[in-house]
Amino acid sequence: MRIIAGDARGTRLKMVPGKHVRPTADRVKESLFSVIGPFFEGGKGLDLFAGTGALGLEALSRGLDHVTFVDDARASVDTVKENVRLTKMADRATLIKRDARTYVKTLADQAKYTVIFLDPPYHEGFYEAILTCIGEKELLTDEGTLVVEHPSKLEMPIELAGLSAYRQLSYGDTAITLYEYSQT
């Protein structure tokens, strides 16, 4: 697992010890960023259920100004901290050890993100509640994108809480649904 493009290109990332974290494969990241970027001209990101931090770090490397990484597992937070150090982007990252669902609920309505990565454990069923909270709090910028990684067999809602799915990418057992604000 590595950073594919940008300032930290080629940096090898550490993995979270154990088998409870399912990192996004490099081929999936490459495809995803070719759709949502491939580069950013500043902005803020939010990496929920951060795991290794690979998605948020890739976005930082490709030009986001700042990313907040949220995970409630100590091993994941420690791994993100190490990966932020390896990529030399510590001044552009905030790490928060907290349950992602709780964290999103506490965000002020004026918090706005260019991109939000949502990659919860597949077996937990977190999607609808957290999508609803993100939509209701309007946490994306007007042109922002919500990236939701999920099992390909899981049917994601087309519309929910002001969010609208505009594209789905499929990679075997893994799928990514991209959301933006509904056009009214």
N, C-alpha and C. Protein backbone atom coordinates (compact mmCIF):
# COMPACT_ATOMS: atom_id res chain seq x y z
N MET A 1 0.86 -1.17 0.00
CA MET A 1 0.00 0.00 0.00
C MET A 1 0.90 1.23 0.00
N ARG A 2 0.59 2.16 -0.91
CA ARG A 2 1.44 3.33 -1.08
C ARG A 2 0.61 4.54 -1.52
N ILE A 3 1.24 5.71 -1.47
CA ILE A 3 0.65 6.91 -2.03
C ILE A 3 0.93 6.88 -3.53
N ILE A 4 -0.09 7.07 -4.35
CA ILE A 4 0.02 6.86 -5.79
C ILE A 4 0.51 8.10 -6.54
N ALA A 5 0.05 9.29 -6.13
CA ALA A 5 0.38 10.50 -6.89
C ALA A 5 0.54 11.69 -5.96
N GLY A 6 1.13 12.76 -6.49
CA GLY A 6 1.24 14.00 -5.74
C GLY A 6 2.54 14.13 -4.97
N ASP A 7 2.51 15.02 -3.97
CA ASP A 7 3.72 15.36 -3.20
C ASP A 7 4.37 14.17 -2.52
N ALA A 8 3.59 13.24 -2.03
CA ALA A 8 4.13 12.09 -1.27
C ALA A 8 4.16 10.82 -2.11
N ARG A 9 4.09 10.97 -3.42
CA ARG A 9 4.05 9.82 -4.33
C ARG A 9 5.14 8.80 -4.00
N GLY A 10 4.71 7.53 -3.98
CA GLY A 10 5.64 6.43 -3.75
C GLY A 10 5.88 6.08 -2.29
N THR A 11 5.41 6.91 -1.36
CA THR A 11 5.60 6.62 0.06
C THR A 11 4.84 5.36 0.43
N ARG A 12 5.52 4.39 1.00
CA ARG A 12 4.89 3.15 1.46
C ARG A 12 4.24 3.41 2.81
N LEU A 13 2.99 2.97 2.95
CA LEU A 13 2.24 3.19 4.18
C LEU A 13 2.24 1.95 5.05
N LYS A 14 2.20 2.19 6.34
CA LYS A 14 2.11 1.09 7.32
C LYS A 14 0.69 0.56 7.35
N MET A 15 0.57 -0.71 7.68
CA MET A 15 -0.73 -1.36 7.83
C MET A 15 -1.10 -1.40 9.31
N VAL A 16 -2.39 -1.43 9.59
CA VAL A 16 -2.87 -1.60 10.96
C VAL A 16 -2.66 -3.06 11.33
N PRO A 17 -2.04 -3.33 12.49
CA PRO A 17 -1.85 -4.73 12.90
C PRO A 17 -3.19 -5.45 13.06
N GLY A 18 -3.22 -6.74 12.74
CA GLY A 18 -4.45 -7.52 12.87
C GLY A 18 -5.22 -7.57 11.58
N LYS A 19 -6.42 -8.12 11.66
CA LYS A 19 -7.23 -8.31 10.45
C LYS A 19 -8.53 -7.53 10.46
N HIS A 20 -8.71 -6.61 11.41
CA HIS A 20 -9.98 -5.90 11.51
C HIS A 20 -10.06 -4.70 10.57
N VAL A 21 -8.96 -4.31 9.92
CA VAL A 21 -8.97 -3.18 9.00
C VAL A 21 -8.79 -3.70 7.58
N ARG A 22 -9.63 -3.22 6.69
CA ARG A 22 -9.62 -3.63 5.28
C ARG A 22 -9.19 -2.42 4.46
N PRO A 23 -7.87 -2.30 4.16
CA PRO A 23 -7.42 -1.11 3.43
C PRO A 23 -7.90 -1.09 1.99
N THR A 24 -8.10 0.10 1.47
CA THR A 24 -8.52 0.27 0.08
C THR A 24 -7.33 -0.07 -0.82
N ALA A 25 -7.54 -0.97 -1.77
CA ALA A 25 -6.47 -1.40 -2.67
C ALA A 25 -5.99 -0.24 -3.54
N ASP A 26 -4.70 -0.27 -3.92
CA ASP A 26 -4.12 0.78 -4.74
C ASP A 26 -4.88 0.97 -6.05
N ARG A 27 -5.30 -0.12 -6.68
CA ARG A 27 -6.01 0.00 -7.97
C ARG A 27 -7.35 0.71 -7.79
N VAL A 28 -8.00 0.48 -6.63
CA VAL A 28 -9.27 1.15 -6.34
C VAL A 28 -9.02 2.64 -6.09
N LYS A 29 -7.98 2.95 -5.31
CA LYS A 29 -7.63 4.36 -5.05
C LYS A 29 -7.33 5.09 -6.36
N GLU A 30 -6.54 4.45 -7.22
CA GLU A 30 -6.16 5.08 -8.47
C GLU A 30 -7.39 5.39 -9.32
N SER A 31 -8.28 4.45 -9.42
CA SER A 31 -9.52 4.64 -10.18
C SER A 31 -10.39 5.72 -9.55
N LEU A 32 -10.56 5.66 -8.24
CA LEU A 32 -11.37 6.64 -7.52
C LEU A 32 -10.86 8.06 -7.75
N PHE A 33 -9.56 8.27 -7.57
CA PHE A 33 -9.03 9.63 -7.71
C PHE A 33 -9.03 10.12 -9.15
N SER A 34 -9.01 9.22 -10.11
CA SER A 34 -9.14 9.67 -11.50
C SER A 34 -10.55 10.20 -11.75
N VAL A 35 -11.53 9.73 -10.97
CA VAL A 35 -12.91 10.20 -11.10
C VAL A 35 -13.14 11.48 -10.29
N ILE A 36 -12.68 11.54 -9.06
CA ILE A 36 -13.00 12.70 -8.20
C ILE A 36 -11.96 13.80 -8.26
N GLY A 37 -10.86 13.62 -8.89
CA GLY A 37 -9.78 14.61 -8.92
C GLY A 37 -9.35 14.88 -10.35
N PRO A 38 -8.22 14.45 -10.67
CA PRO A 38 -7.31 13.63 -9.87
C PRO A 38 -6.53 14.44 -8.84
N PHE A 39 -6.55 15.78 -8.98
CA PHE A 39 -5.85 16.63 -8.02
C PHE A 39 -6.82 17.68 -7.47
N PHE A 40 -6.47 18.24 -6.32
CA PHE A 40 -7.31 19.24 -5.67
C PHE A 40 -6.57 20.57 -5.63
N GLU A 41 -7.34 21.64 -5.67
CA GLU A 41 -6.78 22.97 -5.51
C GLU A 41 -7.18 23.49 -4.14
N GLY A 42 -6.61 22.86 -3.11
CA GLY A 42 -6.92 23.22 -1.74
C GLY A 42 -8.19 22.54 -1.27
N GLY A 43 -8.68 22.98 -0.12
CA GLY A 43 -9.89 22.41 0.47
C GLY A 43 -9.58 21.53 1.65
N LYS A 44 -10.65 21.08 2.30
CA LYS A 44 -10.53 20.25 3.50
C LYS A 44 -11.17 18.90 3.25
N GLY A 45 -10.61 17.89 3.91
CA GLY A 45 -11.16 16.55 3.82
C GLY A 45 -11.45 15.98 5.18
N LEU A 46 -12.32 14.98 5.21
CA LEU A 46 -12.68 14.27 6.43
C LEU A 46 -12.62 12.78 6.10
N ASP A 47 -11.77 12.05 6.82
CA ASP A 47 -11.59 10.61 6.59
C ASP A 47 -12.18 9.88 7.80
N LEU A 48 -13.42 9.39 7.64
CA LEU A 48 -14.13 8.72 8.72
C LEU A 48 -13.85 7.22 8.67
N PHE A 49 -13.68 6.60 9.85
CA PHE A 49 -13.26 5.20 9.94
C PHE A 49 -11.93 5.09 9.19
N ALA A 50 -10.97 5.93 9.56
CA ALA A 50 -9.75 6.16 8.79
C ALA A 50 -8.89 4.92 8.56
N GLY A 51 -8.86 3.99 9.49
CA GLY A 51 -8.03 2.79 9.31
C GLY A 51 -6.56 3.14 9.22
N THR A 52 -5.97 3.03 8.03
CA THR A 52 -4.56 3.38 7.82
C THR A 52 -4.41 4.86 7.45
N GLY A 53 -5.51 5.50 7.06
CA GLY A 53 -5.47 6.88 6.60
C GLY A 53 -5.13 7.01 5.13
N ALA A 54 -5.11 5.89 4.40
CA ALA A 54 -4.65 5.89 3.00
C ALA A 54 -5.45 6.83 2.10
N LEU A 55 -6.77 6.88 2.25
CA LEU A 55 -7.57 7.74 1.37
C LEU A 55 -7.32 9.22 1.67
N GLY A 56 -7.36 9.58 2.93
CA GLY A 56 -7.11 10.97 3.30
C GLY A 56 -5.70 11.42 2.95
N LEU A 57 -4.72 10.55 3.14
CA LEU A 57 -3.34 10.89 2.81
C LEU A 57 -3.15 11.04 1.30
N GLU A 58 -3.82 10.19 0.53
CA GLU A 58 -3.76 10.33 -0.93
C GLU A 58 -4.34 11.69 -1.33
N ALA A 59 -5.44 12.10 -0.72
CA ALA A 59 -6.05 13.39 -1.03
C ALA A 59 -5.13 14.55 -0.63
N LEU A 60 -4.47 14.43 0.52
CA LEU A 60 -3.50 15.46 0.92
C LEU A 60 -2.36 15.54 -0.09
N SER A 61 -1.84 14.40 -0.48
CA SER A 61 -0.75 14.36 -1.44
C SER A 61 -1.15 14.99 -2.77
N ARG A 62 -2.44 14.90 -3.09
CA ARG A 62 -2.96 15.43 -4.36
C ARG A 62 -3.49 16.85 -4.23
N GLY A 63 -3.23 17.53 -3.10
CA GLY A 63 -3.51 18.95 -3.04
C GLY A 63 -4.49 19.47 -2.02
N LEU A 64 -5.20 18.60 -1.27
CA LEU A 64 -6.05 19.15 -0.21
C LEU A 64 -5.17 19.88 0.80
N ASP A 65 -5.70 20.93 1.40
CA ASP A 65 -4.95 21.69 2.40
C ASP A 65 -4.86 20.97 3.73
N HIS A 66 -5.95 20.29 4.12
CA HIS A 66 -6.03 19.68 5.44
C HIS A 66 -7.00 18.53 5.43
N VAL A 67 -6.68 17.47 6.19
CA VAL A 67 -7.60 16.34 6.37
C VAL A 67 -7.68 16.01 7.85
N THR A 68 -8.91 15.78 8.32
CA THR A 68 -9.15 15.29 9.67
C THR A 68 -9.42 13.80 9.57
N PHE A 69 -8.64 13.01 10.32
CA PHE A 69 -8.76 11.56 10.34
C PHE A 69 -9.46 11.14 11.63
N VAL A 70 -10.52 10.35 11.51
CA VAL A 70 -11.29 9.94 12.68
C VAL A 70 -11.39 8.42 12.72
N ASP A 71 -11.01 7.83 13.85
CA ASP A 71 -11.16 6.39 14.07
C ASP A 71 -11.19 6.16 15.57
N ASP A 72 -11.96 5.16 16.00
CA ASP A 72 -12.04 4.91 17.45
C ASP A 72 -11.09 3.81 17.92
N ALA A 73 -10.37 3.17 17.03
CA ALA A 73 -9.43 2.11 17.41
C ALA A 73 -8.04 2.70 17.62
N ARG A 74 -7.47 2.48 18.77
CA ARG A 74 -6.14 2.99 19.09
C ARG A 74 -5.12 2.55 18.05
N ALA A 75 -5.17 1.28 17.62
CA ALA A 75 -4.20 0.78 16.63
C ALA A 75 -4.31 1.55 15.32
N SER A 76 -5.53 1.89 14.91
CA SER A 76 -5.71 2.66 13.68
C SER A 76 -5.18 4.09 13.83
N VAL A 77 -5.49 4.73 14.93
CA VAL A 77 -5.00 6.10 15.17
C VAL A 77 -3.48 6.12 15.19
N ASP A 78 -2.87 5.14 15.84
CA ASP A 78 -1.40 5.06 15.88
C ASP A 78 -0.82 4.83 14.48
N THR A 79 -1.50 4.01 13.68
CA THR A 79 -1.04 3.76 12.31
C THR A 79 -1.17 5.01 11.45
N VAL A 80 -2.30 5.71 11.56
CA VAL A 80 -2.46 6.96 10.81
C VAL A 80 -1.37 7.95 11.22
N LYS A 81 -1.11 8.05 12.50
CA LYS A 81 -0.07 8.97 13.00
C LYS A 81 1.28 8.64 12.37
N GLU A 82 1.62 7.37 12.30
CA GLU A 82 2.88 6.95 11.69
C GLU A 82 2.87 7.25 10.18
N ASN A 83 1.76 7.00 9.51
CA ASN A 83 1.68 7.26 8.08
C ASN A 83 1.72 8.76 7.76
N VAL A 84 1.14 9.57 8.62
CA VAL A 84 1.23 11.02 8.45
C VAL A 84 2.69 11.46 8.58
N ARG A 85 3.40 10.86 9.53
CA ARG A 85 4.83 11.17 9.70
C ARG A 85 5.63 10.75 8.47
N LEU A 86 5.37 9.53 7.98
CA LEU A 86 6.10 9.02 6.82
C LEU A 86 5.89 9.90 5.58
N THR A 87 4.69 10.44 5.41
CA THR A 87 4.39 11.27 4.24
C THR A 87 4.80 12.73 4.43
N LYS A 88 5.25 13.05 5.64
CA LYS A 88 5.71 14.42 5.97
C LYS A 88 4.59 15.45 5.81
N MET A 89 3.37 15.06 6.23
CA MET A 89 2.23 15.97 6.10
C MET A 89 1.54 16.22 7.46
N ALA A 90 2.30 16.10 8.54
CA ALA A 90 1.72 16.24 9.88
C ALA A 90 1.10 17.62 10.10
N ASP A 91 1.66 18.65 9.48
CA ASP A 91 1.13 20.00 9.67
C ASP A 91 -0.21 20.21 8.94
N ARG A 92 -0.62 19.23 8.13
CA ARG A 92 -1.87 19.34 7.37
C ARG A 92 -2.89 18.29 7.80
N ALA A 93 -2.63 17.65 8.94
CA ALA A 93 -3.51 16.56 9.39
C ALA A 93 -3.89 16.74 10.84
N THR A 94 -5.13 16.36 11.16
CA THR A 94 -5.61 16.30 12.53
C THR A 94 -6.09 14.88 12.75
N LEU A 95 -5.68 14.26 13.86
CA LEU A 95 -6.09 12.90 14.20
C LEU A 95 -7.01 12.94 15.39
N ILE A 96 -8.14 12.25 15.29
CA ILE A 96 -9.12 12.23 16.37
C ILE A 96 -9.48 10.79 16.68
N LYS A 97 -9.26 10.39 17.94
CA LYS A 97 -9.65 9.04 18.38
C LYS A 97 -11.06 9.15 18.95
N ARG A 98 -12.00 8.79 18.11
CA ARG A 98 -13.41 8.89 18.51
C ARG A 98 -14.26 8.09 17.53
N ASP A 99 -15.41 7.67 17.96
CA ASP A 99 -16.35 6.99 17.09
C ASP A 99 -16.78 7.97 16.00
N ALA A 100 -16.67 7.57 14.75
CA ALA A 100 -16.97 8.46 13.62
C ALA A 100 -18.41 8.95 13.64
N ARG A 101 -19.34 8.09 14.02
CA ARG A 101 -20.76 8.50 14.06
C ARG A 101 -20.97 9.60 15.08
N THR A 102 -20.38 9.44 16.25
CA THR A 102 -20.49 10.46 17.30
C THR A 102 -19.80 11.75 16.87
N TYR A 103 -18.64 11.63 16.26
CA TYR A 103 -17.89 12.81 15.83
C TYR A 103 -18.71 13.64 14.83
N VAL A 104 -19.29 12.99 13.84
CA VAL A 104 -20.08 13.70 12.83
C VAL A 104 -21.25 14.43 13.48
N LYS A 105 -21.89 13.80 14.46
CA LYS A 105 -23.02 14.44 15.14
C LYS A 105 -22.61 15.71 15.87
N THR A 106 -21.34 15.79 16.32
CA THR A 106 -20.90 16.96 17.08
C THR A 106 -20.37 18.09 16.21
N LEU A 107 -20.21 17.83 14.92
CA LEU A 107 -19.69 18.89 14.04
C LEU A 107 -20.71 20.01 13.90
N ALA A 108 -20.19 21.21 13.90
CA ALA A 108 -21.06 22.37 13.70
C ALA A 108 -21.56 22.37 12.26
N ASP A 109 -22.75 22.87 12.06
CA ASP A 109 -23.34 22.90 10.72
C ASP A 109 -22.49 23.69 9.72
N GLN A 110 -21.64 24.60 10.22
CA GLN A 110 -20.84 25.38 9.29
C GLN A 110 -19.54 24.68 8.89
N ALA A 111 -19.25 23.50 9.42
CA ALA A 111 -18.08 22.73 8.97
C ALA A 111 -18.35 22.27 7.54
N LYS A 112 -17.43 22.57 6.65
CA LYS A 112 -17.61 22.23 5.24
C LYS A 112 -16.36 21.53 4.71
N TYR A 113 -16.59 20.44 3.99
CA TYR A 113 -15.49 19.64 3.46
C TYR A 113 -15.61 19.48 1.95
N THR A 114 -14.48 19.52 1.28
CA THR A 114 -14.41 19.30 -0.16
C THR A 114 -14.69 17.84 -0.47
N VAL A 115 -14.15 16.96 0.37
CA VAL A 115 -14.35 15.52 0.20
C VAL A 115 -14.44 14.86 1.56
N ILE A 116 -15.39 13.95 1.68
CA ILE A 116 -15.53 13.13 2.89
C ILE A 116 -15.41 11.68 2.45
N PHE A 117 -14.51 10.96 3.10
CA PHE A 117 -14.35 9.53 2.85
C PHE A 117 -15.06 8.76 3.96
N LEU A 118 -15.93 7.85 3.58
CA LEU A 118 -16.68 7.04 4.54
C LEU A 118 -16.45 5.58 4.19
N ASP A 119 -15.70 4.89 5.03
CA ASP A 119 -15.35 3.50 4.78
C ASP A 119 -15.49 2.70 6.08
N PRO A 120 -16.75 2.54 6.55
CA PRO A 120 -16.95 1.84 7.83
C PRO A 120 -16.77 0.33 7.68
N PRO A 121 -16.68 -0.38 8.81
CA PRO A 121 -16.65 -1.85 8.74
C PRO A 121 -17.88 -2.34 7.99
N TYR A 122 -17.68 -3.25 7.06
CA TYR A 122 -18.77 -3.72 6.21
C TYR A 122 -19.90 -4.37 6.99
N HIS A 123 -19.59 -5.06 8.05
CA HIS A 123 -20.60 -5.86 8.76
C HIS A 123 -21.40 -5.08 9.79
N GLU A 124 -21.14 -3.81 9.97
CA GLU A 124 -21.77 -3.06 11.06
C GLU A 124 -23.08 -2.36 10.69
N GLY A 125 -23.32 -2.05 9.44
CA GLY A 125 -24.57 -1.39 9.05
C GLY A 125 -24.64 0.08 9.46
N PHE A 126 -23.55 0.82 9.32
CA PHE A 126 -23.47 2.22 9.72
C PHE A 126 -23.97 3.20 8.66
N TYR A 127 -24.16 2.73 7.45
CA TYR A 127 -24.29 3.64 6.31
C TYR A 127 -25.43 4.64 6.41
N GLU A 128 -26.65 4.18 6.58
CA GLU A 128 -27.80 5.08 6.49
C GLU A 128 -27.75 6.18 7.54
N ALA A 129 -27.44 5.83 8.79
CA ALA A 129 -27.43 6.82 9.87
C ALA A 129 -26.37 7.89 9.63
N ILE A 130 -25.19 7.49 9.22
CA ILE A 130 -24.12 8.48 9.04
C ILE A 130 -24.32 9.31 7.77
N LEU A 131 -24.85 8.68 6.71
CA LEU A 131 -25.20 9.45 5.51
C LEU A 131 -26.25 10.51 5.83
N THR A 132 -27.25 10.12 6.61
CA THR A 132 -28.31 11.06 7.00
C THR A 132 -27.73 12.23 7.77
N CYS A 133 -26.85 11.95 8.71
CA CYS A 133 -26.24 13.01 9.52
C CYS A 133 -25.40 13.94 8.66
N ILE A 134 -24.59 13.38 7.76
CA ILE A 134 -23.76 14.21 6.86
C ILE A 134 -24.66 15.09 5.99
N GLY A 135 -25.72 14.50 5.45
CA GLY A 135 -26.63 15.26 4.59
C GLY A 135 -27.37 16.35 5.34
N GLU A 136 -27.92 16.01 6.50
CA GLU A 136 -28.69 16.99 7.27
C GLU A 136 -27.83 18.15 7.77
N LYS A 137 -26.60 17.86 8.12
CA LYS A 137 -25.71 18.91 8.61
C LYS A 137 -25.03 19.68 7.47
N GLU A 138 -25.27 19.23 6.23
CA GLU A 138 -24.69 19.87 5.05
C GLU A 138 -23.18 20.08 5.21
N LEU A 139 -22.48 18.97 5.44
CA LEU A 139 -21.05 19.03 5.74
C LEU A 139 -20.15 19.14 4.50
N LEU A 140 -20.73 18.97 3.32
CA LEU A 140 -19.96 19.13 2.09
C LEU A 140 -20.03 20.57 1.59
N THR A 141 -18.98 20.99 0.91
CA THR A 141 -19.06 22.27 0.19
C THR A 141 -20.04 22.08 -0.97
N ASP A 142 -20.41 23.16 -1.62
CA ASP A 142 -21.38 23.06 -2.73
C ASP A 142 -20.92 22.10 -3.82
N GLU A 143 -19.64 22.04 -4.08
CA GLU A 143 -19.08 21.14 -5.10
C GLU A 143 -18.48 19.89 -4.48
N GLY A 144 -18.72 19.67 -3.20
CA GLY A 144 -18.09 18.57 -2.47
C GLY A 144 -18.59 17.19 -2.87
N THR A 145 -17.78 16.20 -2.54
CA THR A 145 -18.09 14.80 -2.85
C THR A 145 -17.98 13.95 -1.60
N LEU A 146 -18.97 13.10 -1.40
CA LEU A 146 -18.95 12.09 -0.35
C LEU A 146 -18.63 10.76 -1.02
N VAL A 147 -17.54 10.13 -0.59
CA VAL A 147 -17.06 8.87 -1.15
C VAL A 147 -17.40 7.78 -0.15
N VAL A 148 -18.28 6.86 -0.55
CA VAL A 148 -18.71 5.79 0.35
C VAL A 148 -18.25 4.44 -0.20
N GLU A 149 -17.33 3.80 0.53
CA GLU A 149 -16.88 2.47 0.14
C GLU A 149 -17.74 1.44 0.86
N HIS A 150 -18.20 0.42 0.12
CA HIS A 150 -19.12 -0.56 0.69
C HIS A 150 -19.02 -1.87 -0.08
N PRO A 151 -19.60 -2.94 0.47
CA PRO A 151 -19.62 -4.19 -0.29
C PRO A 151 -20.47 -4.02 -1.55
N SER A 152 -20.03 -4.59 -2.65
CA SER A 152 -20.76 -4.40 -3.91
C SER A 152 -22.17 -4.97 -3.86
N LYS A 153 -22.40 -5.93 -2.99
CA LYS A 153 -23.75 -6.51 -2.88
C LYS A 153 -24.72 -5.62 -2.10
N LEU A 154 -24.21 -4.57 -1.43
CA LEU A 154 -25.06 -3.67 -0.65
C LEU A 154 -25.65 -2.59 -1.56
N GLU A 155 -26.95 -2.51 -1.59
CA GLU A 155 -27.65 -1.49 -2.38
C GLU A 155 -27.66 -0.18 -1.59
N MET A 156 -26.98 0.83 -2.09
CA MET A 156 -26.93 2.13 -1.42
C MET A 156 -28.10 2.98 -1.89
N PRO A 157 -28.61 3.87 -1.02
CA PRO A 157 -29.72 4.72 -1.43
C PRO A 157 -29.31 5.69 -2.54
N ILE A 158 -30.23 5.96 -3.45
CA ILE A 158 -29.98 6.92 -4.52
C ILE A 158 -30.09 8.35 -3.99
N GLU A 159 -31.08 8.59 -3.13
CA GLU A 159 -31.29 9.90 -2.52
C GLU A 159 -31.47 9.71 -1.02
N LEU A 160 -30.85 10.56 -0.23
CA LEU A 160 -31.00 10.48 1.22
C LEU A 160 -30.54 11.78 1.85
N ALA A 161 -31.41 12.40 2.61
CA ALA A 161 -31.09 13.60 3.40
C ALA A 161 -30.40 14.69 2.58
N GLY A 162 -30.89 14.92 1.38
CA GLY A 162 -30.33 15.98 0.55
C GLY A 162 -29.13 15.55 -0.28
N LEU A 163 -28.68 14.32 -0.11
CA LEU A 163 -27.56 13.78 -0.88
C LEU A 163 -28.10 12.95 -2.03
N SER A 164 -27.38 12.99 -3.14
CA SER A 164 -27.79 12.25 -4.32
C SER A 164 -26.60 11.47 -4.87
N ALA A 165 -26.78 10.16 -5.07
CA ALA A 165 -25.72 9.35 -5.67
C ALA A 165 -25.60 9.71 -7.14
N TYR A 166 -24.39 10.01 -7.58
CA TYR A 166 -24.22 10.37 -8.99
C TYR A 166 -23.34 9.39 -9.76
N ARG A 167 -22.68 8.50 -9.05
CA ARG A 167 -21.85 7.50 -9.75
C ARG A 167 -21.54 6.36 -8.81
N GLN A 168 -21.46 5.15 -9.38
CA GLN A 168 -21.02 3.99 -8.60
C GLN A 168 -19.90 3.30 -9.37
N LEU A 169 -18.84 2.99 -8.65
CA LEU A 169 -17.69 2.29 -9.20
C LEU A 169 -17.66 0.92 -8.56
N SER A 170 -17.39 -0.11 -9.34
CA SER A 170 -17.41 -1.46 -8.79
C SER A 170 -16.10 -2.17 -9.09
N TYR A 171 -15.57 -2.85 -8.06
CA TYR A 171 -14.29 -3.55 -8.15
C TYR A 171 -14.43 -4.91 -7.46
N GLY A 172 -15.08 -5.85 -8.10
CA GLY A 172 -15.28 -7.16 -7.49
C GLY A 172 -16.19 -7.07 -6.28
N ASP A 173 -15.70 -7.43 -5.10
CA ASP A 173 -16.48 -7.40 -3.87
C ASP A 173 -16.65 -5.99 -3.29
N THR A 174 -15.88 -5.04 -3.80
CA THR A 174 -15.90 -3.68 -3.28
C THR A 174 -16.57 -2.74 -4.27
N ALA A 175 -17.36 -1.82 -3.76
CA ALA A 175 -17.97 -0.78 -4.60
C ALA A 175 -17.78 0.57 -3.91
N ILE A 176 -17.81 1.62 -4.69
CA ILE A 176 -17.75 2.98 -4.17
C ILE A 176 -18.91 3.75 -4.79
N THR A 177 -19.71 4.36 -3.93
CA THR A 177 -20.79 5.22 -4.39
C THR A 177 -20.41 6.66 -4.07
N LEU A 178 -20.54 7.52 -5.06
CA LEU A 178 -20.20 8.94 -4.91
C LEU A 178 -21.48 9.75 -4.78
N TYR A 179 -21.51 10.60 -3.77
CA TYR A 179 -22.67 11.45 -3.50
C TYR A 179 -22.29 12.92 -3.60
N GLU A 180 -23.27 13.72 -3.97
CA GLU A 180 -23.18 15.16 -3.94
C GLU A 180 -24.53 15.68 -3.46
N TYR A 181 -24.63 16.98 -3.25
CA TYR A 181 -25.94 17.52 -2.87
C TYR A 181 -26.90 17.41 -4.03
N SER A 182 -28.15 17.09 -3.73
CA SER A 182 -29.20 17.00 -4.75
C SER A 182 -29.37 18.36 -5.39
N GLN A 183 -29.56 18.34 -6.70
CA GLN A 183 -29.80 19.58 -7.44
C GLN A 183 -31.31 19.87 -7.37
N THR A 184 -31.68 20.99 -6.79
CA THR A 184 -33.10 21.32 -6.67
C THR A 184 -33.49 22.46 -7.56
